């Protein structure tokens, strides 16, 4: 896991029904975002359900530009911060196995800049990267550059966003 030890205690809510067990942790840290932890949690949950995932443990952490740059350098070999990085971690250890386990890191500063650059609202762009990061934890990938917006992953992302917005 890429979580750092000084990470604030996340808020956890497990959504359990007869058909699904979804646990989503959200840590806002010191980051100020215009969405509540409950809304972020709901976006992850609805993305998982849209992809027919019934058991999952997902952690979402909003991090500083500095922390995101460190994660980007150490894990992807890229310089500088990015908007979202996801790690699909496989099955959870212990007596209860989740079909999907993953960590999502989001840098609100980069998301704000991207929202302005793309001419969309900050709430919409945060929702987009939450859905995007969740799809990565499910194994979806996309090409780099301009080709990414024509990918299957991008199409799914935008379909899900249209349903949950």
N, C-alpha and C. Protein backbone atom coordinates (compact mmCIF):
# COMPACT_ATOMS: atom_id res chain seq x y z
N UNK A 1 0.83 -1.18 0.00
CA UNK A 1 0.00 0.00 0.00
C UNK A 1 0.87 1.24 0.00
N UNK A 2 0.39 2.31 -0.56
CA UNK A 2 1.18 3.52 -0.66
C UNK A 2 0.83 4.52 0.41
N UNK A 3 -0.01 4.17 1.33
CA UNK A 3 -0.44 5.11 2.37
C UNK A 3 0.73 5.46 3.26
N UNK A 4 0.85 6.72 3.59
CA UNK A 4 1.92 7.14 4.49
C UNK A 4 1.44 7.06 5.92
N UNK A 5 2.34 6.95 6.84
CA UNK A 5 1.97 6.72 8.23
C UNK A 5 1.31 7.93 8.88
N UNK A 6 1.57 9.13 8.37
CA UNK A 6 0.98 10.32 8.98
C UNK A 6 -0.39 10.64 8.41
N UNK A 7 -0.91 9.76 7.60
CA UNK A 7 -2.22 9.98 6.97
C UNK A 7 -3.29 10.05 8.04
N UNK A 8 -4.18 11.06 7.97
CA UNK A 8 -5.25 11.17 8.96
C UNK A 8 -6.18 9.96 8.91
N UNK A 9 -6.82 9.69 10.00
CA UNK A 9 -7.76 8.59 10.06
C UNK A 9 -8.92 8.86 9.10
N UNK A 10 -9.14 7.96 8.15
CA UNK A 10 -10.21 8.19 7.18
C UNK A 10 -11.57 7.89 7.78
N UNK A 11 -12.58 8.42 7.12
CA UNK A 11 -13.94 8.06 7.50
C UNK A 11 -14.30 6.83 6.68
N UNK A 12 -14.86 5.84 7.32
CA UNK A 12 -15.19 4.59 6.64
C UNK A 12 -16.67 4.33 6.75
N UNK A 13 -17.25 3.96 5.66
CA UNK A 13 -18.63 3.52 5.68
C UNK A 13 -18.70 2.29 4.81
N UNK A 14 -19.19 1.25 5.36
CA UNK A 14 -19.41 0.04 4.58
C UNK A 14 -20.86 0.03 4.16
N UNK A 15 -21.07 -0.18 2.90
CA UNK A 15 -22.42 -0.27 2.36
C UNK A 15 -22.68 -1.75 2.16
N UNK A 16 -23.57 -2.31 2.95
CA UNK A 16 -23.83 -3.74 2.85
C UNK A 16 -25.30 -3.98 2.54
N UNK A 17 -25.51 -4.74 1.51
CA UNK A 17 -26.84 -5.20 1.17
C UNK A 17 -26.71 -6.70 0.94
N UNK A 18 -27.80 -7.34 0.64
CA UNK A 18 -27.74 -8.78 0.36
C UNK A 18 -26.85 -9.06 -0.85
N UNK A 19 -26.76 -8.09 -1.76
CA UNK A 19 -26.03 -8.32 -2.99
C UNK A 19 -24.63 -7.72 -3.01
N UNK A 20 -24.27 -6.85 -2.06
CA UNK A 20 -22.96 -6.21 -2.15
C UNK A 20 -22.39 -5.84 -0.79
N UNK A 21 -21.06 -5.81 -0.74
CA UNK A 21 -20.33 -5.33 0.43
C UNK A 21 -19.24 -4.41 -0.08
N UNK A 22 -19.45 -3.14 0.10
CA UNK A 22 -18.51 -2.14 -0.40
C UNK A 22 -18.05 -1.28 0.76
N UNK A 23 -16.75 -1.26 1.01
CA UNK A 23 -16.19 -0.40 2.05
C UNK A 23 -15.34 0.66 1.37
N UNK A 24 -15.65 1.91 1.64
CA UNK A 24 -14.93 3.02 1.01
C UNK A 24 -14.47 3.97 2.10
N UNK A 25 -13.15 4.16 2.18
CA UNK A 25 -12.54 5.11 3.12
C UNK A 25 -12.24 6.39 2.35
N UNK A 26 -12.55 7.53 2.95
CA UNK A 26 -12.23 8.81 2.34
C UNK A 26 -11.47 9.65 3.35
N UNK A 27 -10.30 10.11 2.95
CA UNK A 27 -9.48 10.98 3.79
C UNK A 27 -9.27 12.30 3.07
N UNK A 28 -9.86 13.36 3.61
CA UNK A 28 -9.70 14.68 3.01
C UNK A 28 -8.42 15.35 3.47
N UNK A 29 -7.86 14.88 4.59
CA UNK A 29 -6.65 15.50 5.12
C UNK A 29 -6.87 16.98 5.32
N UNK A 30 -5.89 17.77 4.95
CA UNK A 30 -5.99 19.23 5.06
C UNK A 30 -6.51 19.85 3.77
N UNK A 31 -6.86 19.02 2.80
CA UNK A 31 -7.29 19.54 1.50
C UNK A 31 -8.73 20.02 1.56
N UNK A 32 -8.96 21.17 0.97
CA UNK A 32 -10.31 21.73 0.91
C UNK A 32 -10.88 21.44 -0.47
N UNK A 33 -11.98 20.71 -0.47
CA UNK A 33 -12.64 20.40 -1.73
C UNK A 33 -14.13 20.71 -1.59
N UNK A 34 -14.79 21.01 -2.71
CA UNK A 34 -16.21 21.37 -2.64
C UNK A 34 -17.17 20.18 -2.64
N UNK A 35 -16.66 18.99 -2.36
CA UNK A 35 -17.51 17.81 -2.23
C UNK A 35 -17.31 17.22 -0.85
N UNK A 36 -18.35 16.69 -0.27
CA UNK A 36 -18.24 16.05 1.04
C UNK A 36 -17.62 14.66 0.89
N UNK A 37 -17.11 14.14 1.98
CA UNK A 37 -16.59 12.77 1.99
C UNK A 37 -17.71 11.80 1.60
N UNK A 38 -18.93 12.08 2.04
CA UNK A 38 -20.06 11.21 1.69
C UNK A 38 -20.31 11.20 0.18
N UNK A 39 -20.18 12.34 -0.48
CA UNK A 39 -20.38 12.41 -1.93
C UNK A 39 -19.28 11.64 -2.66
N UNK A 40 -18.05 11.80 -2.21
CA UNK A 40 -16.94 11.05 -2.81
C UNK A 40 -17.18 9.56 -2.65
N UNK A 41 -17.56 9.15 -1.47
CA UNK A 41 -17.85 7.74 -1.17
C UNK A 41 -18.95 7.22 -2.09
N UNK A 42 -20.00 8.02 -2.27
CA UNK A 42 -21.11 7.63 -3.13
C UNK A 42 -20.67 7.48 -4.59
N UNK A 43 -19.79 8.36 -5.06
CA UNK A 43 -19.29 8.25 -6.43
C UNK A 43 -18.51 6.96 -6.63
N UNK A 44 -17.67 6.61 -5.66
CA UNK A 44 -16.92 5.36 -5.76
C UNK A 44 -17.90 4.18 -5.75
N UNK A 45 -18.81 4.18 -4.82
CA UNK A 45 -19.78 3.08 -4.69
C UNK A 45 -20.59 2.90 -5.97
N UNK A 46 -21.08 4.01 -6.52
CA UNK A 46 -21.91 3.93 -7.72
C UNK A 46 -21.11 3.48 -8.94
N UNK A 47 -19.83 3.86 -8.98
CA UNK A 47 -18.97 3.39 -10.07
C UNK A 47 -18.76 1.89 -9.96
N UNK A 48 -18.47 1.42 -8.75
CA UNK A 48 -18.29 -0.02 -8.53
C UNK A 48 -19.55 -0.80 -8.92
N UNK A 49 -20.70 -0.31 -8.49
CA UNK A 49 -21.96 -0.99 -8.81
C UNK A 49 -22.26 -0.96 -10.31
N UNK A 50 -21.93 0.15 -10.97
CA UNK A 50 -22.14 0.25 -12.42
C UNK A 50 -21.31 -0.80 -13.16
N UNK A 51 -20.19 -1.17 -12.57
CA UNK A 51 -19.32 -2.19 -13.17
C UNK A 51 -19.54 -3.57 -12.56
N UNK A 52 -20.67 -3.73 -11.88
CA UNK A 52 -21.09 -5.02 -11.32
C UNK A 52 -20.11 -5.57 -10.28
N UNK A 53 -19.46 -4.68 -9.55
CA UNK A 53 -18.56 -5.07 -8.48
C UNK A 53 -19.36 -5.06 -7.19
N UNK A 54 -19.43 -6.18 -6.51
CA UNK A 54 -20.26 -6.30 -5.32
C UNK A 54 -19.46 -6.35 -4.03
N UNK A 55 -18.16 -6.62 -4.12
CA UNK A 55 -17.32 -6.63 -2.93
C UNK A 55 -16.06 -5.83 -3.22
N UNK A 56 -15.79 -4.83 -2.39
CA UNK A 56 -14.60 -4.00 -2.62
C UNK A 56 -14.22 -3.27 -1.35
N UNK A 57 -12.94 -2.98 -1.26
CA UNK A 57 -12.40 -2.10 -0.22
C UNK A 57 -11.55 -1.07 -0.94
N UNK A 58 -12.01 0.17 -0.96
CA UNK A 58 -11.33 1.24 -1.68
C UNK A 58 -11.02 2.37 -0.71
N UNK A 59 -9.81 2.90 -0.81
CA UNK A 59 -9.39 4.05 -0.02
C UNK A 59 -9.16 5.22 -0.96
N UNK A 60 -9.73 6.38 -0.62
CA UNK A 60 -9.53 7.60 -1.41
C UNK A 60 -8.89 8.63 -0.49
N UNK A 61 -7.73 9.14 -0.89
CA UNK A 61 -7.03 10.15 -0.09
C UNK A 61 -6.76 11.38 -0.95
N UNK A 62 -7.16 12.53 -0.44
CA UNK A 62 -6.85 13.80 -1.09
C UNK A 62 -5.53 14.27 -0.50
N UNK A 63 -4.55 14.50 -1.38
CA UNK A 63 -3.19 14.81 -0.93
C UNK A 63 -2.71 16.14 -1.51
N UNK A 64 -1.66 16.67 -0.91
CA UNK A 64 -1.05 17.92 -1.36
C UNK A 64 -0.31 17.70 -2.69
N UNK A 65 0.03 18.81 -3.35
CA UNK A 65 0.81 18.73 -4.58
C UNK A 65 2.16 18.07 -4.32
N UNK A 66 2.75 18.40 -3.20
CA UNK A 66 4.06 17.83 -2.84
C UNK A 66 3.97 16.31 -2.67
N UNK A 67 2.95 15.86 -1.94
CA UNK A 67 2.77 14.42 -1.74
C UNK A 67 2.47 13.72 -3.05
N UNK A 68 1.64 14.33 -3.91
CA UNK A 68 1.32 13.71 -5.19
C UNK A 68 2.56 13.63 -6.08
N UNK A 69 3.40 14.67 -6.06
CA UNK A 69 4.64 14.63 -6.85
C UNK A 69 5.54 13.48 -6.37
N UNK A 70 5.59 13.27 -5.06
CA UNK A 70 6.38 12.17 -4.51
C UNK A 70 5.83 10.82 -4.98
N UNK A 71 4.52 10.64 -4.88
CA UNK A 71 3.90 9.39 -5.33
C UNK A 71 4.14 9.16 -6.82
N UNK A 72 3.99 10.21 -7.60
CA UNK A 72 4.16 10.13 -9.05
C UNK A 72 5.60 9.74 -9.40
N UNK A 73 6.56 10.33 -8.72
CA UNK A 73 7.98 10.03 -8.96
C UNK A 73 8.31 8.60 -8.53
N UNK A 74 7.92 8.24 -7.31
CA UNK A 74 8.30 6.94 -6.75
C UNK A 74 7.61 5.75 -7.42
N UNK A 75 6.37 5.93 -7.83
CA UNK A 75 5.62 4.78 -8.34
C UNK A 75 5.47 4.76 -9.86
N UNK A 76 5.50 5.92 -10.48
CA UNK A 76 5.32 5.96 -11.94
C UNK A 76 6.53 6.50 -12.68
N UNK A 77 7.50 7.06 -11.94
CA UNK A 77 8.70 7.59 -12.57
C UNK A 77 8.49 8.90 -13.30
N UNK A 78 7.44 9.63 -12.97
CA UNK A 78 7.13 10.90 -13.62
C UNK A 78 7.43 12.06 -12.67
N UNK A 79 7.82 13.18 -13.25
CA UNK A 79 8.11 14.37 -12.44
C UNK A 79 6.85 15.19 -12.22
N UNK A 80 6.72 15.77 -11.04
CA UNK A 80 5.63 16.69 -10.73
C UNK A 80 4.35 15.99 -10.31
N UNK A 81 3.41 16.80 -9.82
CA UNK A 81 2.13 16.24 -9.39
C UNK A 81 1.23 15.94 -10.59
N UNK A 82 0.27 15.07 -10.38
CA UNK A 82 -0.76 14.76 -11.37
C UNK A 82 -2.10 14.80 -10.65
N UNK A 83 -3.19 14.68 -11.38
CA UNK A 83 -4.50 14.80 -10.75
C UNK A 83 -4.90 13.58 -9.93
N UNK A 84 -4.64 12.38 -10.46
CA UNK A 84 -5.08 11.16 -9.77
C UNK A 84 -4.12 10.01 -10.06
N UNK A 85 -3.83 9.24 -9.04
CA UNK A 85 -3.06 8.01 -9.17
C UNK A 85 -3.83 6.93 -8.42
N UNK A 86 -3.97 5.78 -9.07
CA UNK A 86 -4.68 4.65 -8.46
C UNK A 86 -3.79 3.43 -8.42
N UNK A 87 -4.00 2.63 -7.38
CA UNK A 87 -3.30 1.38 -7.23
C UNK A 87 -4.32 0.27 -7.02
N UNK A 88 -4.34 -0.70 -7.91
CA UNK A 88 -5.16 -1.89 -7.72
C UNK A 88 -4.31 -2.86 -6.92
N UNK A 89 -4.76 -3.21 -5.72
CA UNK A 89 -3.94 -3.97 -4.79
C UNK A 89 -4.29 -5.44 -4.70
N UNK A 90 -5.31 -5.89 -5.40
CA UNK A 90 -5.67 -7.30 -5.35
C UNK A 90 -6.60 -7.60 -4.19
N UNK A 91 -6.52 -8.80 -3.69
CA UNK A 91 -7.42 -9.24 -2.62
C UNK A 91 -6.92 -8.79 -1.25
N UNK A 92 -7.85 -8.51 -0.38
CA UNK A 92 -7.51 -8.10 0.99
C UNK A 92 -7.12 -9.32 1.81
N UNK A 93 -6.09 -9.18 2.66
CA UNK A 93 -5.75 -10.30 3.55
C UNK A 93 -6.78 -10.42 4.67
N UNK A 94 -6.87 -11.57 5.26
CA UNK A 94 -7.77 -11.74 6.39
C UNK A 94 -8.96 -12.60 6.05
N UNK A 95 -9.88 -12.73 7.01
CA UNK A 95 -11.00 -13.65 6.85
C UNK A 95 -12.02 -13.21 5.81
N UNK A 96 -12.15 -11.90 5.58
CA UNK A 96 -13.11 -11.41 4.59
C UNK A 96 -12.34 -10.97 3.36
N UNK A 97 -12.61 -11.59 2.25
CA UNK A 97 -11.93 -11.25 1.01
C UNK A 97 -12.83 -10.32 0.19
N UNK A 98 -12.24 -9.25 -0.32
CA UNK A 98 -12.96 -8.37 -1.23
C UNK A 98 -12.49 -8.68 -2.64
N UNK A 99 -13.37 -8.60 -3.60
CA UNK A 99 -12.98 -8.88 -4.97
C UNK A 99 -12.09 -7.77 -5.52
N UNK A 100 -12.20 -6.57 -5.00
CA UNK A 100 -11.38 -5.44 -5.44
C UNK A 100 -10.86 -4.71 -4.21
N UNK A 101 -9.56 -4.45 -4.21
CA UNK A 101 -8.95 -3.64 -3.16
C UNK A 101 -8.08 -2.62 -3.87
N UNK A 102 -8.24 -1.34 -3.52
CA UNK A 102 -7.44 -0.33 -4.19
C UNK A 102 -7.32 0.96 -3.42
N UNK A 103 -6.28 1.71 -3.76
CA UNK A 103 -6.05 3.04 -3.21
C UNK A 103 -6.12 4.05 -4.34
N UNK A 104 -6.77 5.18 -4.06
CA UNK A 104 -6.87 6.28 -5.02
C UNK A 104 -6.34 7.53 -4.33
N UNK A 105 -5.39 8.21 -4.97
CA UNK A 105 -4.84 9.47 -4.45
C UNK A 105 -5.22 10.57 -5.42
N UNK A 106 -5.78 11.67 -4.88
CA UNK A 106 -6.23 12.79 -5.70
C UNK A 106 -5.59 14.06 -5.19
N UNK A 107 -5.08 14.86 -6.12
CA UNK A 107 -4.49 16.15 -5.78
C UNK A 107 -5.46 17.26 -6.19
N UNK A 108 -6.11 17.86 -5.21
CA UNK A 108 -7.13 18.88 -5.48
C UNK A 108 -6.55 20.08 -6.20
N UNK A 109 -5.29 20.44 -5.92
CA UNK A 109 -4.68 21.59 -6.60
C UNK A 109 -4.59 21.35 -8.11
N UNK A 110 -4.16 20.17 -8.51
CA UNK A 110 -4.07 19.85 -9.93
C UNK A 110 -5.46 19.75 -10.54
N UNK A 111 -6.40 19.18 -9.82
CA UNK A 111 -7.78 19.07 -10.32
C UNK A 111 -8.36 20.46 -10.56
N UNK A 112 -8.11 21.40 -9.65
CA UNK A 112 -8.59 22.79 -9.84
C UNK A 112 -8.02 23.40 -11.12
N UNK A 113 -6.72 23.22 -11.33
CA UNK A 113 -6.08 23.76 -12.54
C UNK A 113 -6.66 23.12 -13.79
N UNK A 114 -6.87 21.81 -13.75
CA UNK A 114 -7.44 21.11 -14.90
C UNK A 114 -8.87 21.57 -15.18
N UNK A 115 -9.65 21.78 -14.14
CA UNK A 115 -11.03 22.25 -14.32
C UNK A 115 -11.03 23.59 -15.05
N UNK A 116 -10.15 24.49 -14.64
CA UNK A 116 -10.06 25.80 -15.30
C UNK A 116 -9.59 25.62 -16.75
N UNK A 117 -8.61 24.77 -16.97
CA UNK A 117 -8.07 24.54 -18.31
C UNK A 117 -9.11 23.93 -19.24
N UNK A 118 -9.93 23.02 -18.73
CA UNK A 118 -10.93 22.34 -19.55
C UNK A 118 -12.27 23.07 -19.59
N UNK A 119 -12.40 24.14 -18.80
CA UNK A 119 -13.64 24.92 -18.80
C UNK A 119 -14.81 24.21 -18.15
N UNK A 120 -14.52 23.41 -17.10
CA UNK A 120 -15.58 22.72 -16.37
C UNK A 120 -15.51 23.14 -14.91
N UNK A 121 -16.57 22.90 -14.17
CA UNK A 121 -16.59 23.23 -12.75
C UNK A 121 -15.72 22.29 -11.95
N UNK A 122 -15.24 22.78 -10.82
CA UNK A 122 -14.37 21.98 -9.96
C UNK A 122 -15.10 20.74 -9.43
N UNK A 123 -16.38 20.86 -9.11
CA UNK A 123 -17.14 19.69 -8.63
C UNK A 123 -17.20 18.60 -9.71
N UNK A 124 -17.45 19.02 -10.93
CA UNK A 124 -17.51 18.05 -12.04
C UNK A 124 -16.16 17.37 -12.24
N UNK A 125 -15.08 18.15 -12.17
CA UNK A 125 -13.76 17.58 -12.41
C UNK A 125 -13.33 16.65 -11.27
N UNK A 126 -13.67 17.00 -10.04
CA UNK A 126 -13.38 16.08 -8.93
C UNK A 126 -14.16 14.78 -9.12
N UNK A 127 -15.44 14.90 -9.46
CA UNK A 127 -16.24 13.69 -9.71
C UNK A 127 -15.61 12.85 -10.81
N UNK A 128 -15.12 13.52 -11.86
CA UNK A 128 -14.50 12.80 -12.98
C UNK A 128 -13.27 12.01 -12.51
N UNK A 129 -12.40 12.63 -11.72
CA UNK A 129 -11.19 11.90 -11.31
C UNK A 129 -11.51 10.81 -10.28
N UNK A 130 -12.56 10.99 -9.49
CA UNK A 130 -12.97 9.92 -8.57
C UNK A 130 -13.43 8.70 -9.37
N UNK A 131 -14.29 8.93 -10.36
CA UNK A 131 -14.75 7.83 -11.21
C UNK A 131 -13.57 7.23 -11.97
N UNK A 132 -12.71 8.08 -12.52
CA UNK A 132 -11.54 7.64 -13.28
C UNK A 132 -10.64 6.75 -12.42
N UNK A 133 -10.33 7.23 -11.22
CA UNK A 133 -9.49 6.46 -10.31
C UNK A 133 -10.11 5.14 -9.92
N UNK A 134 -11.42 5.14 -9.71
CA UNK A 134 -12.12 3.90 -9.36
C UNK A 134 -12.05 2.90 -10.51
N UNK A 135 -12.22 3.37 -11.73
CA UNK A 135 -12.12 2.47 -12.88
C UNK A 135 -10.72 1.86 -12.98
N UNK A 136 -9.69 2.64 -12.67
CA UNK A 136 -8.33 2.08 -12.66
C UNK A 136 -8.20 0.97 -11.63
N UNK A 137 -8.83 1.11 -10.46
CA UNK A 137 -8.75 0.04 -9.45
C UNK A 137 -9.43 -1.23 -9.94
N UNK A 138 -10.33 -1.09 -10.90
CA UNK A 138 -11.01 -2.25 -11.49
C UNK A 138 -10.23 -2.86 -12.65
N UNK A 139 -9.07 -2.27 -12.97
CA UNK A 139 -8.22 -2.81 -14.03
C UNK A 139 -8.30 -2.11 -15.36
N UNK A 140 -9.13 -1.09 -15.48
CA UNK A 140 -9.21 -0.35 -16.74
C UNK A 140 -7.95 0.46 -16.96
N UNK A 141 -7.53 0.54 -18.21
CA UNK A 141 -6.37 1.34 -18.61
C UNK A 141 -6.76 2.16 -19.84
N UNK A 142 -5.95 3.16 -20.14
CA UNK A 142 -6.18 4.00 -21.31
C UNK A 142 -4.83 4.39 -21.89
N UNK A 143 -4.81 4.75 -23.18
CA UNK A 143 -3.56 5.23 -23.76
C UNK A 143 -3.23 6.63 -23.23
N UNK A 144 -1.98 7.03 -23.40
CA UNK A 144 -1.57 8.37 -23.01
C UNK A 144 -1.91 9.36 -24.12
N UNK A 145 -1.83 10.63 -23.77
CA UNK A 145 -2.01 11.69 -24.76
C UNK A 145 -3.44 11.86 -25.21
N UNK A 146 -3.58 12.40 -26.42
CA UNK A 146 -4.89 12.72 -26.97
C UNK A 146 -5.77 11.49 -27.19
N UNK A 147 -5.15 10.33 -27.32
CA UNK A 147 -5.91 9.10 -27.58
C UNK A 147 -6.74 8.65 -26.38
N UNK A 148 -6.42 9.16 -25.20
CA UNK A 148 -7.12 8.68 -24.00
C UNK A 148 -8.61 8.97 -24.06
N UNK A 149 -9.01 10.13 -24.64
CA UNK A 149 -10.43 10.49 -24.66
C UNK A 149 -11.24 9.64 -25.63
N UNK A 150 -10.58 8.87 -26.48
CA UNK A 150 -11.28 7.96 -27.38
C UNK A 150 -11.30 6.53 -26.89
N UNK A 151 -10.76 6.30 -25.71
CA UNK A 151 -10.62 4.93 -25.20
C UNK A 151 -11.93 4.41 -24.58
N UNK A 152 -11.99 3.10 -24.45
CA UNK A 152 -13.13 2.44 -23.80
C UNK A 152 -13.27 2.92 -22.36
N UNK A 153 -12.15 3.08 -21.68
CA UNK A 153 -12.20 3.54 -20.29
C UNK A 153 -12.82 4.93 -20.20
N UNK A 154 -12.42 5.82 -21.10
CA UNK A 154 -12.95 7.19 -21.09
C UNK A 154 -14.46 7.18 -21.35
N UNK A 155 -14.88 6.34 -22.30
CA UNK A 155 -16.31 6.25 -22.61
C UNK A 155 -17.08 5.77 -21.38
N UNK A 156 -16.60 4.74 -20.71
CA UNK A 156 -17.26 4.25 -19.50
C UNK A 156 -17.30 5.33 -18.43
N UNK A 157 -16.18 6.01 -18.25
CA UNK A 157 -16.10 7.09 -17.26
C UNK A 157 -17.17 8.14 -17.50
N UNK A 158 -17.30 8.59 -18.73
CA UNK A 158 -18.27 9.63 -19.06
C UNK A 158 -19.71 9.12 -18.94
N UNK A 159 -19.96 7.85 -19.28
CA UNK A 159 -21.29 7.26 -19.10
C UNK A 159 -21.67 7.24 -17.62
N UNK A 160 -20.74 6.81 -16.79
CA UNK A 160 -21.01 6.74 -15.35
C UNK A 160 -21.24 8.14 -14.80
N UNK A 161 -20.41 9.09 -15.20
CA UNK A 161 -20.58 10.47 -14.74
C UNK A 161 -21.95 11.02 -15.10
N UNK A 162 -22.41 10.73 -16.31
CA UNK A 162 -23.72 11.21 -16.74
C UNK A 162 -24.83 10.64 -15.85
N UNK A 163 -24.66 9.41 -15.39
CA UNK A 163 -25.68 8.77 -14.55
C UNK A 163 -25.64 9.26 -13.11
N UNK A 164 -24.47 9.57 -12.59
CA UNK A 164 -24.35 9.90 -11.17
C UNK A 164 -24.39 11.39 -10.88
N UNK A 165 -24.35 12.20 -11.91
CA UNK A 165 -24.34 13.66 -11.69
C UNK A 165 -25.72 14.23 -11.51
